[in-house]
Protein backbone atom coordinates (compact mmCIF):
# COMPACT_ATOMS: atom_id res chain seq x y z
CA MET A 1 8.71 -8.61 -3.01
CA ASN A 2 8.28 -5.01 -3.84
CA PHE A 3 6.62 -2.19 -1.41
CA LEU A 4 5.02 0.61 -3.37
CA ILE A 5 4.12 3.93 -1.22
CA VAL A 6 1.61 6.15 -3.17
CA ASP A 7 0.75 9.28 -1.18
CA ASP A 8 0.96 12.90 -2.76
CA ASP A 9 2.10 14.39 0.03
CA ALA A 10 5.94 13.76 0.59
CA ASP A 11 6.32 13.78 4.06
CA MET A 12 4.46 10.98 4.24
CA ARG A 13 6.22 8.82 1.63
CA LEU A 14 9.14 9.49 3.52
CA THR A 15 7.85 8.29 7.14
CA LEU A 16 6.10 4.99 5.14
CA ARG A 17 9.33 4.33 3.34
CA ASP A 18 11.48 4.70 6.28
CA MET A 19 9.04 2.39 8.75
CA LEU A 20 8.92 -0.21 6.45
CA GLU A 21 12.81 -0.35 6.13
CA SER A 22 12.99 -0.50 9.25
CA LEU A 23 10.85 -3.22 9.34
CA GLY A 24 13.11 -4.57 6.73
CA ALA A 25 11.61 -4.54 3.40
CA ALA A 26 14.37 -4.43 1.48
CA ARG A 27 12.90 -3.12 -2.23
CA VAL A 28 10.42 0.03 -1.26
CA TRP A 29 9.00 2.35 -3.85
CA ALA A 30 7.46 5.72 -3.37
CA VAL A 31 5.31 7.66 -5.83
CA ALA A 32 3.24 10.90 -5.71
CA ASP A 33 0.39 9.74 -7.89
CA GLY A 34 -2.15 6.82 -9.24
CA ASN A 35 -0.60 7.28 -13.18
CA LYS A 36 3.09 6.84 -11.67
CA ALA A 37 2.43 4.32 -9.46
CA LEU A 38 0.76 2.09 -12.34
CA GLU A 39 3.72 2.88 -14.23
CA ARG A 40 5.67 1.82 -11.87
CA MET A 41 3.72 -1.74 -10.97
CA ARG A 42 3.82 -2.44 -14.83
CA ALA A 43 7.22 -1.49 -15.06
CA LEU A 44 8.65 -3.74 -11.82
CA GLU A 45 5.79 -6.49 -13.14
CA PHE A 46 4.29 -6.39 -9.68
CA GLY A 47 2.13 -9.60 -8.91
CA ARG A 48 0.94 -11.98 -5.94
CA SER A 49 3.90 -11.22 -3.32
CA ASP A 50 3.74 -7.38 -4.13
CA VAL A 51 2.21 -4.72 -1.61
CA VAL A 52 0.72 -1.16 -2.62
CA LEU A 53 0.39 1.08 0.53
CA ALA A 54 -2.09 3.89 -1.36
CA ASP A 55 -3.51 6.91 0.21
CA TRP A 56 -7.00 7.67 -0.40
CA ASN A 57 -7.86 10.93 -1.10
CA MET A 58 -4.87 12.30 -4.22
CA GLN A 59 -4.96 14.64 -6.82
CA PRO A 60 -5.67 13.62 -9.74
CA MET A 61 -6.35 9.84 -9.29
CA SER A 62 -7.26 8.83 -5.78
CA GLY A 63 -6.50 5.98 -4.15
CA LEU A 64 -10.05 4.43 -4.58
CA GLU A 65 -9.81 5.12 -8.49
CA LEU A 66 -5.83 3.50 -8.80
CA LEU A 67 -7.62 0.35 -6.66
CA ASP A 68 -9.86 -0.09 -9.50
CA ALA A 69 -6.97 0.48 -12.19
CA VAL A 70 -5.08 -2.22 -10.13
CA ARG A 71 -7.81 -5.00 -9.92
CA THR A 72 -9.12 -4.61 -13.54
CA ASP A 73 -5.60 -5.01 -15.25
CA ARG A 74 -4.99 -8.85 -15.53
CA ARG A 75 -1.33 -8.18 -15.18
CA LEU A 76 -1.73 -6.39 -11.39
CA CYS A 77 -5.02 -7.64 -9.59
CA GLN A 78 -3.16 -10.07 -7.75
CA VAL A 79 -1.08 -7.33 -5.65
CA TYR A 80 -1.66 -7.09 -2.06
CA PHE A 81 -3.82 -3.65 -1.95
CA VAL A 82 -3.65 -1.61 1.72
CA MET A 83 -5.50 1.51 1.56
CA ILE A 84 -4.15 4.26 4.11
CA THR A 85 -7.45 6.78 4.95
CA GLY A 86 -7.66 9.37 7.87
CA ASP A 87 -11.38 8.57 7.54
CA ALA A 88 -12.62 4.77 9.25
CA GLY A 89 -16.18 5.22 8.65
CA HIS A 90 -17.99 2.15 8.06
CA GLU A 91 -19.08 3.41 4.61
CA ARG A 92 -15.96 4.40 3.36
CA VAL A 93 -14.49 1.27 4.37
CA MET A 94 -16.92 -1.26 2.63
CA THR A 95 -16.61 0.84 -0.13
CA ALA A 96 -12.61 0.38 -0.33
CA ARG A 97 -13.75 -3.89 0.57
CA GLU A 98 -16.51 -4.22 -2.61
CA ARG A 99 -13.97 -2.88 -5.07
CA GLY A 100 -11.79 -5.45 -3.66
CA VAL A 101 -9.11 -3.59 -0.96
CA ASN A 102 -7.02 -6.19 0.72
CA ASP A 103 -6.78 -4.15 4.14
CA TYR A 104 -7.22 -0.72 5.50
CA ILE A 105 -4.53 1.72 7.73
CA VAL A 106 -6.29 4.47 9.69
CA LYS A 107 -3.99 7.32 10.21
CA PRO A 108 -2.78 8.11 12.03
CA PHE A 109 -0.68 5.04 12.58
CA GLU A 110 1.93 3.13 14.93
CA LEU A 111 5.05 1.18 13.43
CA LEU A 112 3.59 -1.63 14.97
CA ALA A 113 -0.05 -1.30 13.24
CA LEU A 114 1.97 -1.65 10.47
CA ARG A 115 3.84 -4.60 11.62
CA ARG A 116 0.39 -6.24 12.10
CA LYS A 117 -0.96 -5.26 8.90
CA LEU A 118 2.35 -6.77 6.58
CA GLY A 119 3.69 -9.05 8.71
CA THR A 120 2.93 -12.05 6.29
CA PHE A 121 5.22 -9.44 3.56
CA LEU A 122 7.84 -9.19 5.85
CA PRO A 123 10.94 -10.47 7.27
CA ALA A 124 10.68 -11.98 10.64
CA PRO A 125 11.87 -9.94 13.65
CA ARG A 126 15.24 -10.41 14.41
CA GLY A 127 15.88 -13.45 17.44
CA VAL A 128 12.16 -14.73 16.37
CA ARG A 129 11.74 -18.16 15.03
CA GLY A 130 9.12 -19.12 12.35
């Protein structure tokens, strides 16, 4: 299972990587823009069990434009796509839902919130039996 972080802010990429790795994610990738994200997903043959966490506000390709590109690519359309945004307004959330986002996370967020959103994609916490 692969996790791909897409954010133009280097600090946010590092923070998310650290959070995912602390939750047990082994294969975490990070890129600075949507074009690089598409290249990485295609190179790694992303599929149904892989996760993309993308910031909404990026240049030159926004997270929403990346979502559109992923959902229209027959090889990538099954990835689990999480939008990260500082704006949880109803209109923005509805736009992302209509375009096929699986979930969203509102900044700022904590480790527990990330675990709740991605729990089915992460290993069980130590000492917890499924």
